[in-house]
Protein backbone atom coordinates (compact mmCIF):
# COMPACT_ATOMS: atom_id res chain seq x y z
CA MET A 1 0.08 0.08 -0.07
CA GLY A 2 1.43 3.29 -0.96
CA ARG A 3 1.55 6.04 1.52
CA LEU A 4 -1.69 7.67 1.57
CA SER A 5 -1.85 11.82 1.27
CA ILE A 6 -2.90 13.30 4.92
CA GLY A 7 -3.92 16.73 3.59
CA LEU A 8 -4.52 17.92 7.07
CA ALA A 9 -4.53 21.60 6.43
CA LEU A 10 -7.95 23.31 5.95
CA LEU A 11 -8.05 24.91 2.72
CA ALA A 12 -10.05 27.90 2.46
CA ALA A 13 -13.53 27.51 0.44
CA THR A 14 -13.89 29.20 -2.63
CA THR A 15 -16.19 32.30 -1.94
CA LEU A 16 -18.60 33.48 -4.46
CA THR A 17 -18.97 37.12 -5.63
CA GLY A 18 -21.40 38.71 -7.78
CA SER A 19 -24.77 38.03 -8.53
CA LEU A 20 -25.57 34.88 -6.36
CA TYR A 21 -25.71 36.75 -3.20
CA ALA A 22 -26.80 40.02 -4.43
CA GLN A 23 -30.54 38.87 -5.43
CA ASP A 24 -32.87 41.30 -6.58
CA SER A 25 -34.83 42.36 -3.68
CA SER A 26 -37.99 41.74 -5.83
CA SER A 27 -37.32 38.17 -6.74
CA PRO A 28 -35.25 36.49 -3.81
CA PRO A 29 -35.04 32.74 -4.71
CA ASN A 30 -37.40 30.26 -3.69
CA PHE A 31 -36.36 27.00 -1.62
CA ILE A 32 -37.93 23.52 -1.45
CA VAL A 33 -36.34 21.02 1.00
CA ILE A 34 -37.56 17.41 0.47
CA MET A 35 -36.37 15.08 2.86
CA ALA A 36 -37.21 11.18 3.05
CA ASP A 37 -37.27 9.23 6.27
CA ASP A 38 -34.98 6.46 6.61
CA LEU A 39 -34.02 6.16 3.02
CA GLY A 40 -30.72 4.69 2.32
CA TYR A 41 -27.48 5.98 0.48
CA GLY A 42 -27.87 3.25 -1.97
CA ASP A 43 -31.83 3.39 -2.42
CA LEU A 44 -31.63 5.75 -5.36
CA GLY A 45 -30.47 5.01 -9.02
CA VAL A 46 -27.83 7.67 -9.06
CA TYR A 47 -26.44 6.28 -6.03
CA GLY A 48 -26.21 2.84 -7.26
CA SER A 49 -29.21 1.29 -6.84
CA SER A 50 -30.41 -1.29 -9.73
CA LEU A 51 -33.73 -2.60 -8.40
CA ILE A 52 -35.09 0.79 -7.40
CA LYS A 53 -35.91 2.94 -10.45
CA THR A 54 -35.53 6.82 -9.57
CA PRO A 55 -35.45 8.61 -12.72
CA ASN A 56 -36.81 11.94 -11.25
CA LEU A 57 -34.03 12.15 -8.66
CA ASP A 58 -31.24 10.47 -11.28
CA ARG A 59 -32.07 13.41 -13.87
CA MET A 60 -32.24 16.25 -10.85
CA ALA A 61 -28.84 14.87 -10.09
CA LEU A 62 -27.76 14.91 -13.41
CA GLU A 63 -28.97 18.76 -14.30
CA GLY A 64 -27.64 19.49 -10.72
CA ALA A 65 -25.24 18.90 -7.86
CA ARG A 66 -24.66 15.54 -6.12
CA LEU A 67 -22.78 15.64 -2.73
CA ASP A 68 -21.18 12.35 -2.02
CA SER A 69 -20.24 12.81 1.81
CA PHE A 70 -23.26 14.50 2.86
CA TYR A 71 -24.20 13.80 6.45
CA SER A 72 -27.44 14.20 8.72
CA SER A 73 -26.86 15.75 12.04
CA ALA A 74 -28.04 12.31 13.98
CA ASN A 75 -28.50 9.03 13.32
CA VAL A 76 -32.47 9.02 14.42
CA CYS A 77 -35.28 11.07 13.19
CA THR A 78 -35.91 14.04 15.60
CA ALA A 79 -32.32 15.15 16.16
CA ALA A 80 -31.68 14.92 12.53
CA ARG A 81 -34.79 17.22 11.92
CA GLY A 82 -33.70 19.67 14.72
CA GLY A 83 -30.38 20.07 13.04
CA LEU A 84 -31.42 20.67 9.37
CA LEU A 85 -34.20 23.48 10.73
CA THR A 86 -31.87 25.32 13.24
CA GLY A 87 -28.46 24.81 11.63
CA ARG A 88 -27.02 23.47 15.14
CA TYR A 89 -25.92 20.24 16.36
CA PRO A 90 -28.67 18.46 18.13
CA ILE A 91 -26.95 18.38 21.27
CA ARG A 92 -27.48 21.93 21.51
CA LEU A 93 -30.85 21.72 21.14
CA ASP A 94 -31.33 18.94 23.99
CA LEU A 95 -33.10 16.43 21.09
CA VAL A 96 -30.50 13.70 21.54
CA ASN A 97 -31.67 11.27 24.38
CA ASP A 98 -34.72 10.01 22.34
CA VAL A 99 -37.05 10.96 19.77
CA ALA A 100 -40.20 12.85 20.22
CA ARG A 101 -43.17 10.53 21.11
CA PRO A 102 -46.50 10.99 22.36
CA THR A 103 -45.52 9.53 25.58
CA ASN A 104 -42.79 12.13 26.17
CA GLU A 105 -42.21 15.75 26.65
CA ILE A 106 -39.24 15.99 23.86
CA HIS A 107 -40.06 19.10 21.37
CA LEU A 108 -38.00 21.77 19.60
CA ALA A 109 -37.81 24.54 22.50
CA ASP A 110 -39.76 27.95 21.56
CA ASP A 111 -36.60 29.91 21.74
CA GLU A 112 -35.03 27.85 18.81
CA ILE A 113 -34.82 29.76 15.63
CA THR A 114 -36.01 27.62 13.05
CA LEU A 115 -35.13 28.15 8.92
CA ALA A 116 -38.95 28.71 8.41
CA GLU A 117 -38.86 31.46 11.03
CA SER A 118 -35.79 33.42 9.46
CA LEU A 119 -37.04 32.98 6.00
CA GLN A 120 -40.57 34.12 7.32
CA SER A 121 -39.08 37.34 8.89
CA LEU A 122 -38.04 38.16 5.26
CA GLY A 123 -41.17 37.90 3.79
CA TYR A 124 -41.14 34.59 2.77
CA LYS A 125 -44.50 32.03 2.54
CA THR A 126 -43.79 28.95 4.24
CA ALA A 127 -45.03 25.34 4.66
CA LEU A 128 -44.54 21.94 5.91
CA PHE A 129 -46.22 18.99 4.21
CA GLY A 130 -45.26 15.75 5.92
CA LYS A 131 -43.76 14.69 9.10
CA TRP A 132 -42.91 17.24 11.67
CA HIS A 133 -41.54 14.85 14.57
CA LEU A 134 -40.16 17.60 16.81
CA GLY A 135 -43.26 17.39 19.54
CA SER A 136 -46.31 15.60 19.35
CA ARG A 137 -48.50 18.19 20.94
CA VAL A 138 -50.62 20.62 18.85
CA ASP A 139 -48.79 23.61 20.84
CA TRP A 140 -45.66 22.34 19.72
CA SER A 141 -46.43 22.02 15.96
CA PRO A 142 -44.91 23.59 12.80
CA VAL A 143 -47.31 26.58 12.79
CA HIS A 144 -45.54 27.82 16.32
CA GLN A 145 -42.16 27.52 14.55
CA GLY A 146 -42.52 29.63 11.74
CA PHE A 147 -44.57 27.63 9.15
CA ASP A 148 -47.86 29.61 7.74
CA GLU A 149 -49.36 26.22 6.49
CA PHE A 150 -49.10 22.43 7.94
CA PHE A 151 -50.44 19.59 6.49
CA GLY A 152 -49.10 16.18 7.88
CA VAL A 153 -48.58 14.31 11.27
CA LEU A 154 -46.77 15.23 14.34
CA HIS A 155 -44.66 11.94 14.58
CA SER A 156 -43.66 8.51 13.05
CA ASN A 157 -46.21 6.26 11.38
CA ASP A 158 -45.23 3.42 13.83
CA MET A 159 -46.62 5.54 16.82
CA THR A 160 -50.05 6.11 18.23
CA PRO A 161 -52.22 7.90 17.99
CA LEU A 162 -51.48 9.06 14.32
CA GLU A 163 -53.85 11.88 13.10
CA LEU A 164 -53.56 13.61 9.97
CA TYR A 165 -53.32 17.55 10.80
CA ARG A 166 -54.39 20.86 8.51
CA GLN A 167 -52.95 23.57 10.51
CA GLN A 168 -53.92 22.51 14.25
CA GLN A 169 -57.05 20.67 13.40
CA VAL A 170 -57.28 16.80 13.07
CA ILE A 171 -58.91 16.11 9.76
CA GLU A 172 -58.09 12.45 9.69
CA ASP A 173 -58.08 9.58 12.59
CA PRO A 174 -57.00 7.12 11.62
CA VAL A 175 -54.72 8.20 8.94
CA ASN A 176 -55.01 6.53 5.42
CA GLN A 177 -51.38 6.17 4.90
CA ASN A 178 -51.74 4.63 1.57
CA THR A 179 -52.03 8.03 0.00
CA LEU A 180 -50.22 10.09 2.11
CA THR A 181 -47.37 10.75 -0.49
CA GLU A 182 -49.45 11.91 -3.14
CA ARG A 183 -51.37 13.95 -0.69
CA TYR A 184 -48.43 15.69 0.55
CA THR A 185 -47.71 16.24 -3.04
CA ASN A 186 -51.00 17.64 -3.81
CA GLU A 187 -50.72 20.17 -1.32
CA ALA A 188 -46.92 21.09 -2.52
CA ILE A 189 -48.25 21.92 -5.97
CA ARG A 190 -51.11 23.72 -4.59
CA PHE A 191 -48.86 25.84 -2.40
CA ILE A 192 -46.49 26.59 -5.21
CA GLU A 193 -49.14 27.65 -7.58
CA SER A 194 -50.64 29.90 -4.88
CA ASN A 195 -47.33 31.46 -4.19
CA ARG A 196 -45.73 31.75 -7.65
CA ASP A 197 -45.69 35.51 -7.04
CA ASP A 198 -44.32 35.12 -3.82
CA PRO A 199 -40.69 34.16 -2.46
CA PHE A 200 -41.48 30.63 -0.74
CA PHE A 201 -40.02 28.05 1.74
CA LEU A 202 -41.54 24.58 1.10
CA TYR A 203 -40.17 21.99 3.47
CA MET A 204 -41.59 18.23 2.71
CA PRO A 205 -40.15 15.88 5.39
CA HIS A 206 -41.62 12.69 3.80
CA THR A 207 -43.20 9.93 6.13
CA PHE A 208 -41.74 7.00 4.17
CA PRO A 209 -40.00 4.84 3.93
CA HIS A 210 -40.08 4.59 7.68
CA VAL A 211 -42.16 1.55 8.35
CA PRO A 212 -44.78 0.59 8.53
CA LEU A 213 -44.91 0.85 4.73
CA TYR A 214 -48.06 1.81 2.57
CA VAL A 215 -48.43 2.53 -0.98
CA SER A 216 -51.48 3.30 -3.06
CA ASN A 217 -52.67 1.07 -5.89
CA ARG A 218 -51.33 2.87 -8.68
CA PHE A 219 -47.71 2.26 -7.30
CA SER A 220 -48.30 -1.02 -5.73
CA GLY A 221 -46.29 -3.82 -7.40
CA GLN A 222 -44.29 -1.49 -9.78
CA SER A 223 -40.86 -1.87 -8.41
CA GLU A 224 -38.24 -4.69 -8.59
CA ALA A 225 -37.52 -4.13 -4.86
CA GLY A 226 -40.74 -5.37 -3.38
CA LEU A 227 -43.11 -2.91 -1.00
CA TYR A 228 -40.24 -0.93 0.01
CA GLY A 229 -38.99 -0.07 -3.59
CA ASP A 230 -42.95 0.99 -4.40
CA VAL A 231 -42.53 3.36 -1.52
CA VAL A 232 -39.38 5.17 -2.67
CA GLU A 233 -40.49 5.07 -6.29
CA THR A 234 -43.61 6.66 -5.08
CA ILE A 235 -41.59 9.61 -3.45
CA ASP A 236 -39.41 9.65 -6.57
CA TRP A 237 -42.81 10.40 -8.58
CA SER A 238 -43.49 13.17 -6.06
CA VAL A 239 -40.29 14.75 -6.79
CA GLY A 240 -41.03 14.69 -10.58
CA GLU A 241 -44.28 16.36 -10.09
CA ILE A 242 -43.08 18.89 -8.13
CA LEU A 243 -40.20 19.95 -10.62
CA ALA A 244 -42.69 19.66 -13.51
CA THR A 245 -44.92 22.11 -11.49
CA LEU A 246 -41.75 24.57 -11.15
CA ASP A 247 -41.11 24.19 -15.00
CA ARG A 248 -44.71 24.87 -15.92
CA LEU A 249 -45.01 28.04 -13.69
CA GLY A 250 -41.65 29.35 -15.27
CA LEU A 251 -40.12 28.99 -11.54
CA ALA A 252 -37.13 26.49 -11.95
CA GLU A 253 -34.52 29.31 -12.66
CA ASN A 254 -35.50 30.89 -9.36
CA THR A 255 -36.03 28.17 -7.13
CA LEU A 256 -33.27 25.63 -5.27
CA VAL A 257 -34.70 22.17 -4.87
CA LEU A 258 -32.91 20.23 -2.25
CA PHE A 259 -33.11 16.30 -1.55
CA THR A 260 -31.95 14.35 1.29
CA SER A 261 -32.82 11.53 3.98
CA ASP A 262 -32.87 12.19 7.54
CA ASN A 263 -30.48 9.00 8.53
CA GLY A 264 -29.57 5.94 7.27
CA PRO A 265 -32.26 2.84 6.12
CA TRP A 266 -33.83 0.84 8.96
CA PHE A 267 -34.43 -2.95 8.56
CA GLU A 268 -35.00 -2.50 4.71
CA GLY A 269 -32.96 -0.25 2.07
CA SER A 270 -29.72 -0.06 1.12
CA PRO A 271 -26.76 1.70 2.98
CA GLY A 272 -24.81 1.72 -0.13
CA PRO A 273 -21.34 0.55 0.26
CA PHE A 274 -21.13 1.85 3.62
CA ARG A 275 -20.94 0.11 7.33
CA ASN A 276 -24.09 -0.36 9.26
CA ARG A 277 -27.69 1.47 9.44
CA LYS A 278 -29.96 3.70 11.36
CA GLY A 279 -29.11 4.19 14.88
CA SER A 280 -25.47 4.04 14.26
CA SER A 281 -22.76 6.41 13.66
CA TRP A 282 -20.89 4.53 11.12
CA GLU A 283 -21.11 5.83 7.66
CA GLY A 284 -24.15 3.74 6.92
CA GLY A 285 -26.26 5.28 9.80
CA GLN A 286 -25.30 8.96 9.02
CA ARG A 287 -24.20 9.54 5.37
CA VAL A 288 -27.22 10.27 3.10
CA PRO A 289 -28.03 11.28 -0.40
CA PHE A 290 -27.93 14.83 -1.34
CA ILE A 291 -29.06 16.47 -4.60
CA ALA A 292 -29.26 19.87 -5.18
CA LYS A 293 -30.84 21.49 -8.50
CA TRP A 294 -30.98 25.06 -9.44
CA PRO A 295 -31.12 25.68 -13.39
CA GLY A 296 -28.84 28.59 -14.23
CA THR A 297 -27.26 28.77 -11.04
CA ILE A 298 -25.82 25.11 -9.99
CA PRO A 299 -24.12 23.75 -13.26
CA GLY A 300 -25.24 20.30 -14.14
CA GLY A 301 -23.09 17.21 -13.56
CA VAL A 302 -21.36 18.73 -10.21
CA VAL A 303 -20.23 15.70 -8.00
CA SER A 304 -18.31 16.25 -5.07
CA ASN A 305 -16.83 13.92 -2.04
CA GLU A 306 -16.15 16.92 0.17
CA PRO A 307 -17.72 16.51 3.75
CA ALA A 308 -20.94 18.57 4.22
CA MET A 309 -23.93 18.13 6.84
CA ASN A 310 -27.70 18.97 6.88
CA ILE A 311 -26.69 21.70 9.57
CA ASP A 312 -25.34 23.52 6.44
CA ILE A 313 -28.80 23.90 4.77
CA PHE A 314 -29.94 26.89 7.28
CA PRO A 315 -27.11 29.33 7.00
CA THR A 316 -26.86 28.48 3.03
CA LEU A 317 -30.53 29.31 2.64
CA VAL A 318 -30.72 32.67 4.87
CA LYS A 319 -27.66 33.68 2.82
CA LEU A 320 -29.19 33.19 -0.47
CA ALA A 321 -32.44 35.09 0.93
CA GLY A 322 -30.47 38.26 1.71
CA GLY A 323 -30.97 37.52 5.39
CA THR A 324 -28.28 37.31 8.27
CA LEU A 325 -27.48 34.67 10.91
CA PRO A 326 -28.83 34.73 14.63
CA SER A 327 -25.78 36.19 16.48
CA ASP A 328 -27.05 35.33 19.97
CA ARG A 329 -26.23 31.61 19.62
CA THR A 330 -23.95 29.34 17.77
CA ILE A 331 -24.74 28.28 14.21
CA ASP A 332 -22.74 25.07 13.60
CA GLY A 333 -23.53 25.12 10.16
CA LYS A 334 -21.59 26.60 6.95
CA ASP A 335 -22.70 28.38 3.86
CA ILE A 336 -22.06 25.21 0.98
CA LEU A 337 -23.04 26.84 -2.09
CA PRO A 338 -19.43 27.23 -3.20
CA MET A 339 -19.58 23.36 -3.24
CA LEU A 340 -22.62 22.96 -5.17
CA VAL A 341 -21.68 25.79 -7.86
CA GLU A 342 -17.71 25.59 -7.87
CA SER A 343 -16.85 22.38 -6.51
CA ALA A 344 -15.34 24.06 -3.76
CA ASN A 345 -13.52 22.46 -0.78
CA SER A 346 -15.61 22.00 2.50
CA PRO A 347 -16.09 24.98 4.69
CA HIS A 348 -15.60 22.41 7.70
CA GLU A 349 -12.59 21.81 9.57
CA ALA A 350 -14.34 19.06 11.18
CA LEU A 351 -18.08 17.41 11.58
CA TYR A 352 -19.10 15.44 14.51
CA LEU A 353 -21.08 12.37 14.35
CA PHE A 354 -22.80 11.52 17.57
CA ASP A 355 -24.53 8.55 19.00
CA LYS A 356 -27.22 10.46 21.55
CA ASP A 357 -24.94 12.83 23.44
CA ARG A 358 -21.61 11.39 22.75
CA ILE A 359 -19.19 12.24 19.92
CA ALA A 360 -18.82 8.72 18.38
CA GLY A 361 -17.05 9.89 15.27
CA VAL A 362 -15.09 12.54 13.74
CA ARG A 363 -14.76 13.36 10.12
CA SER A 364 -12.09 15.70 8.54
CA GLY A 365 -11.31 15.57 4.83
CA GLN A 366 -10.70 11.92 3.83
CA TRP A 367 -10.27 10.99 7.43
CA LYS A 368 -12.85 9.59 10.00
CA LEU A 369 -11.76 8.79 13.89
CA VAL A 370 -14.23 6.46 15.41
CA VAL A 371 -14.15 6.14 19.23
CA GLU A 372 -17.17 4.19 20.02
CA SER A 373 -20.14 1.72 18.59
CA SER A 374 -22.73 -0.57 20.01
CA TYR A 375 -22.36 -4.16 20.06
CA ARG A 376 -25.38 -6.22 21.52
CA ALA A 377 -26.87 -3.25 23.20
CA ALA A 378 -23.72 -2.35 25.12
CA VAL A 379 -21.38 0.64 23.87
CA THR A 380 -17.89 -0.58 23.07
CA SER A 381 -15.29 2.27 23.39
CA PHE A 382 -12.28 2.24 21.03
CA ASP A 383 -10.53 4.84 23.14
CA ASN A 384 -10.10 3.12 26.58
CA PRO A 385 -6.56 2.08 27.19
CA ASN A 386 -8.19 -1.58 28.64
CA SER A 387 -9.57 -2.39 25.23
CA TYR A 388 -7.98 -4.33 22.45
CA TYR A 389 -7.21 -0.89 20.49
CA GLY A 390 -5.95 1.23 23.38
CA PRO A 391 -6.74 4.75 23.86
CA THR A 392 -6.50 5.83 20.21
CA GLY A 393 -9.85 4.92 18.49
CA LEU A 394 -10.16 3.60 14.85
CA LEU A 395 -8.80 5.77 11.94
CA PHE A 396 -10.24 5.20 8.68
CA ASP A 397 -9.47 6.56 5.25
CA VAL A 398 -13.31 7.00 3.95
CA GLN A 399 -12.41 7.93 0.51
CA ARG A 400 -10.31 4.82 -0.23
CA ASP A 401 -12.05 2.71 2.22
CA PRO A 402 -15.64 3.80 2.54
CA SER A 403 -16.83 0.89 4.24
CA GLU A 404 -14.78 1.53 7.23
CA THR A 405 -13.27 -1.90 7.39
CA PHE A 406 -9.16 -1.02 7.94
CA SER A 407 -8.14 1.17 10.46
CA TYR A 408 -4.62 3.25 9.88
CA THR A 409 -3.90 4.24 13.61
CA ARG A 410 -0.43 2.57 13.39
CA GLU A 411 0.14 4.01 10.15
CA PHE A 412 -0.65 7.70 10.56
CA PRO A 413 -0.02 8.30 14.18
CA GLU A 414 0.07 12.32 13.38
CA VAL A 415 -3.24 12.02 11.87
CA VAL A 416 -4.70 10.32 14.94
CA THR A 417 -3.18 13.20 17.35
CA TYR A 418 -4.85 15.65 14.79
CA MET A 419 -8.22 14.07 15.04
CA ARG A 420 -8.08 13.52 18.68
CA ASP A 421 -7.50 17.11 19.02
CA LEU A 422 -10.56 17.84 16.85
CA LEU A 423 -12.49 15.36 18.91
CA ARG A 424 -11.33 17.21 22.45
CA ARG A 425 -12.18 20.28 20.74
CA GLY A 426 -15.91 19.09 19.92
CA GLN A 427 -16.26 17.66 23.15
CA ALA A 428 -15.44 20.85 25.10
CA GLU A 429 -17.59 23.13 22.89
CA LEU A 430 -20.68 20.93 22.35
CA GLY A 431 -20.54 19.81 25.96
CA SER A 432 -20.09 15.87 25.02
CA THR A 433 -19.88 13.43 27.34
CA VAL A 434 -17.42 10.51 27.25
CA LEU A 435 -17.89 7.05 27.81
CA GLN A 436 -14.78 6.90 30.08
CA ASP A 437 -12.59 10.08 30.82
CA MET A 438 -9.22 8.85 29.42
CA TRP A 439 -8.24 12.18 27.67
CA ASN A 440 -5.30 13.10 29.98
CA ARG A 441 -3.34 9.87 28.83
CA PRO A 442 -0.97 10.50 26.23
CA ASN A 443 -1.63 9.02 22.80
């Protein structure tokens, strides 16, 4: 094996100048963020799926940008949604110990500033059609967090009671889940048509392919990947309908459309070449698809393996809308438009991957340091001097070895030192706990 390039120095990201951020105040860009629930990295054709057909998402990637090292900010639903909507690591939001359920008090705090609230203050019309999952009470619903319109459910579809809401009113109980994706799509098209003359932010966090899986008759039995494939292909149809609506209304060139997933796949679905699944901080648990389309601004065919995270969506969109980030709190996300437009380097020196309130892994450039994982419901530490690996952690080159199969802690001690410095920095800044306090020991 040849020597691997260390590449530790953080390169300054290319800064875009000119018209991209100096939008005409009379026509600021529209934003559509579509997020699937428990969709795997390998579940789309453009990411390698051969059984699930996703022609609309494949075309969206071909005509726009695809990020191949994009992470969710959490390995489960609630925390991931909090990270996306606030631009902050979920540990700052106190959303890391469990997901929001009808049986608990977990919710996004009222004093958090969401992307919807930020854009609403800039004159945007805002809507959420889909699964909220940031509080299971009506007074914690999206209409209290910056969304003018809400049509959807408050939590995952395996929780009861599952009720369909329009604004704060229950309109269906129990929910007919067979047609949920189509109904979300119809609401999205209506919203776009109604706001064609106003700047708008449409957030579509889909209910599926979280289990239990449901699909309408028109899509049932169409996929080579069984019911799961039918569900994903329905979401792909939905994306196609939304893109066609933008084209029909002449809005495509003024609308940035993003597609991603909240975490890796659960029992079905494909994590692609990556290790493990939802609930873990291995790549298969948090590395997710990310596709961006904006005709006339994002050139077609951009593909980047630079690391980014869903916390970056908040600052990117706020900046594009002509707004400023909140100054009274830390925003962990960075503007990633240069990555989408010019294939710029990542603006992050480090991205932290969590297991609840603990940093389980650190990604920086080509490297990832893993310090803990779960095994048989127990947490195994890789930075414990009493363990087989000693107090170092496992060092992976996730560009050459994306499946995190072979550790290079022996070969690159200087990289381990650098990565552990980043880990300590993140723990101190974010208040992350450690499995065992071994940080005063020499490497």
